[in-house]
Amino acid sequence: MDDQQFKKFRDLLDQSYQWPDYYEFKFILKVDERLEALNKLQGFTITETPSKKGNYISINARKLMKSTQEVLDVYQVMSTIKGIMSL
């Protein structure tokens, strides 16, 4: 995500939420990276859905967030996982 997209996303979060509020993150990743993702999402309410072939997993993670910056920090931490896609 370039700086302009990052600013646009930050502005959208600021306009759409009044913190504190619940925010749901959605990630798709290879099954091999599942435990790393779950370790980074401790304290979240997690829902997992495997792909039909079982190679990928979709993770929905919900948590009460205090600010836009806290949401952005989670995306930053999760971006360190190889091949992860954020929705």
C-alpha atoms as a PDB file:
ATOM      1  CA  MET A   1       0.000   0.000   0.000  1.00  0.00           C
ATOM      2  CA  ASP A   2       1.524   3.321  -1.025  1.00  0.00           C
ATOM      3  CA  ASP A   3       1.310   6.504   1.078  1.00  0.00           C
ATOM      4  CA  GLN A   4      -1.732   7.873  -0.761  1.00  0.00           C
ATOM      5  CA  GLN A   5      -3.690   4.610  -0.367  1.00  0.00           C
ATOM      6  CA  PHE A   6      -2.651   4.433   3.301  1.00  0.00           C
ATOM      7  CA  LYS A   7      -3.911   7.988   3.943  1.00  0.00           C
ATOM      8  CA  LYS A   8      -7.172   7.253   2.108  1.00  0.00           C
ATOM      9  CA  PHE A   9      -7.720   4.107   4.192  1.00  0.00           C
ATOM     10  CA  ARG A  10      -6.928   6.006   7.420  1.00  0.00           C
ATOM     11  CA  ASP A  11      -9.422   8.723   6.463  1.00  0.00           C
ATOM     12  CA  LEU A  12     -12.079   6.114   5.641  1.00  0.00           C
ATOM     13  CA  LEU A  13     -11.614   4.458   9.047  1.00  0.00           C
ATOM     14  CA  ASP A  14     -11.841   7.842  10.784  1.00  0.00           C
ATOM     15  CA  GLN A  15     -15.077   8.643   8.941  1.00  0.00           C
ATOM     16  CA  SER A  16     -16.666   5.215   9.381  1.00  0.00           C
ATOM     17  CA  TYR A  17     -15.960   4.457  13.037  1.00  0.00           C
ATOM     18  CA  GLN A  18     -16.289   6.182  16.369  1.00  0.00           C
ATOM     19  CA  TRP A  19     -13.667   4.626  18.623  1.00  0.00           C
ATOM     20  CA  PRO A  20     -13.779   2.527  20.652  1.00  0.00           C
ATOM     21  CA  ASP A  21     -15.640   0.140  18.350  1.00  0.00           C
ATOM     22  CA  TYR A  22     -15.441  -3.443  17.172  1.00  0.00           C
ATOM     23  CA  TYR A  23     -13.475  -4.008  13.987  1.00  0.00           C
ATOM     24  CA  GLU A  24     -13.325  -7.215  11.970  1.00  0.00           C
ATOM     25  CA  PHE A  25     -10.147  -8.087  10.112  1.00  0.00           C
ATOM     26  CA  LYS A  26     -10.202 -10.579   7.241  1.00  0.00           C
ATOM     27  CA  PHE A  27      -7.108 -12.416   6.058  1.00  0.00           C
ATOM     28  CA  ILE A  28      -6.401 -15.216   3.599  1.00  0.00           C
ATOM     29  CA  LEU A  29      -3.169 -17.153   3.902  1.00  0.00           C
ATOM     30  CA  LYS A  30      -1.570 -20.524   3.293  1.00  0.00           C
ATOM     31  CA  VAL A  31      -2.387 -23.143   5.903  1.00  0.00           C
ATOM     32  CA  ASP A  32       1.343 -23.396   6.718  1.00  0.00           C
ATOM     33  CA  GLU A  33       1.238 -19.808   8.046  1.00  0.00           C
ATOM     34  CA  ARG A  34      -1.884 -20.356  10.179  1.00  0.00           C
ATOM     35  CA  LEU A  35      -0.182 -20.703  13.569  1.00  0.00           C
ATOM     36  CA  GLU A  36       1.943 -17.597  13.015  1.00  0.00           C
ATOM     37  CA  ALA A  37      -1.206 -15.608  12.229  1.00  0.00           C
ATOM     38  CA  LEU A  38      -3.097 -16.951  15.232  1.00  0.00           C
ATOM     39  CA  ASN A  39      -0.162 -16.115  17.523  1.00  0.00           C
ATOM     40  CA  LYS A  40      -0.293 -12.508  16.301  1.00  0.00           C
ATOM     41  CA  LEU A  41      -4.071 -12.367  16.838  1.00  0.00           C
ATOM     42  CA  GLN A  42      -4.211 -13.403  20.480  1.00  0.00           C
ATOM     43  CA  GLY A  43      -7.132 -11.779  22.277  1.00  0.00           C
ATOM     44  CA  PHE A  44      -9.259 -11.624  19.113  1.00  0.00           C
ATOM     45  CA  THR A  45     -12.448 -13.594  18.475  1.00  0.00           C
ATOM     46  CA  ILE A  46     -11.381 -15.848  15.591  1.00  0.00           C
ATOM     47  CA  THR A  47     -13.375 -17.635  12.891  1.00  0.00           C
ATOM     48  CA  GLU A  48     -11.498 -19.866  10.448  1.00  0.00           C
ATOM     49  CA  THR A  49     -12.696 -21.225   7.104  1.00  0.00           C
ATOM     50  CA  PRO A  50     -10.485 -23.586   5.082  1.00  0.00           C
ATOM     51  CA  SER A  51     -10.457 -23.474   1.280  1.00  0.00           C
ATOM     52  CA  LYS A  52     -12.037 -26.348  -0.660  1.00  0.00           C
ATOM     53  CA  LYS A  53      -8.659 -27.923  -1.442  1.00  0.00           C
ATOM     54  CA  GLY A  54      -7.345 -27.186   2.050  1.00  0.00           C
ATOM     55  CA  ASN A  55      -4.296 -25.209   0.897  1.00  0.00           C
ATOM     56  CA  TYR A  56      -5.518 -21.852   2.212  1.00  0.00           C
ATOM     57  CA  ILE A  57      -7.439 -20.608   5.198  1.00  0.00           C
ATOM     58  CA  SER A  58      -9.581 -17.542   5.723  1.00  0.00           C
ATOM     59  CA  ILE A  59      -9.301 -15.958   9.150  1.00  0.00           C
ATOM     60  CA  ASN A  60     -11.801 -13.428  10.477  1.00  0.00           C
ATOM     61  CA  ALA A  61     -10.577 -11.722  13.638  1.00  0.00           C
ATOM     62  CA  ARG A  62     -12.817  -9.391  15.644  1.00  0.00           C
ATOM     63  CA  LYS A  63     -11.826  -7.188  18.559  1.00  0.00           C
ATOM     64  CA  LEU A  64     -12.743  -3.945  20.291  1.00  0.00           C
ATOM     65  CA  MET A  65     -10.280  -1.384  18.958  1.00  0.00           C
ATOM     66  CA  LYS A  66      -9.495   1.930  20.630  1.00  0.00           C
ATOM     67  CA  SER A  67      -8.412   3.967  17.609  1.00  0.00           C
ATOM     68  CA  THR A  68      -7.727   4.057  13.899  1.00  0.00           C
ATOM     69  CA  GLN A  69      -4.024   3.738  14.680  1.00  0.00           C
ATOM     70  CA  GLU A  70      -4.629   0.511  16.601  1.00  0.00           C
ATOM     71  CA  VAL A  71      -6.358  -0.962  13.517  1.00  0.00           C
ATOM     72  CA  LEU A  72      -3.493   0.126  11.277  1.00  0.00           C
ATOM     73  CA  ASP A  73      -0.978  -1.380  13.703  1.00  0.00           C
ATOM     74  CA  VAL A  74      -2.680  -4.790  13.429  1.00  0.00           C
ATOM     75  CA  TYR A  75      -2.489  -4.640   9.631  1.00  0.00           C
ATOM     76  CA  GLN A  76       1.203  -3.712   9.899  1.00  0.00           C
ATOM     77  CA  VAL A  77       1.969  -6.657  12.206  1.00  0.00           C
ATOM     78  CA  MET A  78       0.036  -9.088  10.007  1.00  0.00           C
ATOM     79  CA  SER A  79       1.777  -7.857   6.838  1.00  0.00           C
ATOM     80  CA  THR A  80       4.973  -9.554   8.060  1.00  0.00           C
ATOM     81  CA  ILE A  81       3.412 -12.986   7.369  1.00  0.00           C
ATOM     82  CA  LYS A  82       4.581 -14.408   4.062  1.00  0.00           C
ATOM     83  CA  GLY A  83       1.883 -14.368   1.361  1.00  0.00           C
ATOM     84  CA  ILE A  84      -0.941 -13.020   3.527  1.00  0.00           C
ATOM     85  CA  MET A  85      -3.805 -11.196   1.818  1.00  0.00           C
ATOM     86  CA  SER A  86      -5.832  -8.625   3.760  1.00  0.00           C
ATOM     87  CA  LEU A  87      -9.412  -7.992   2.711  1.00  0.00           C
END
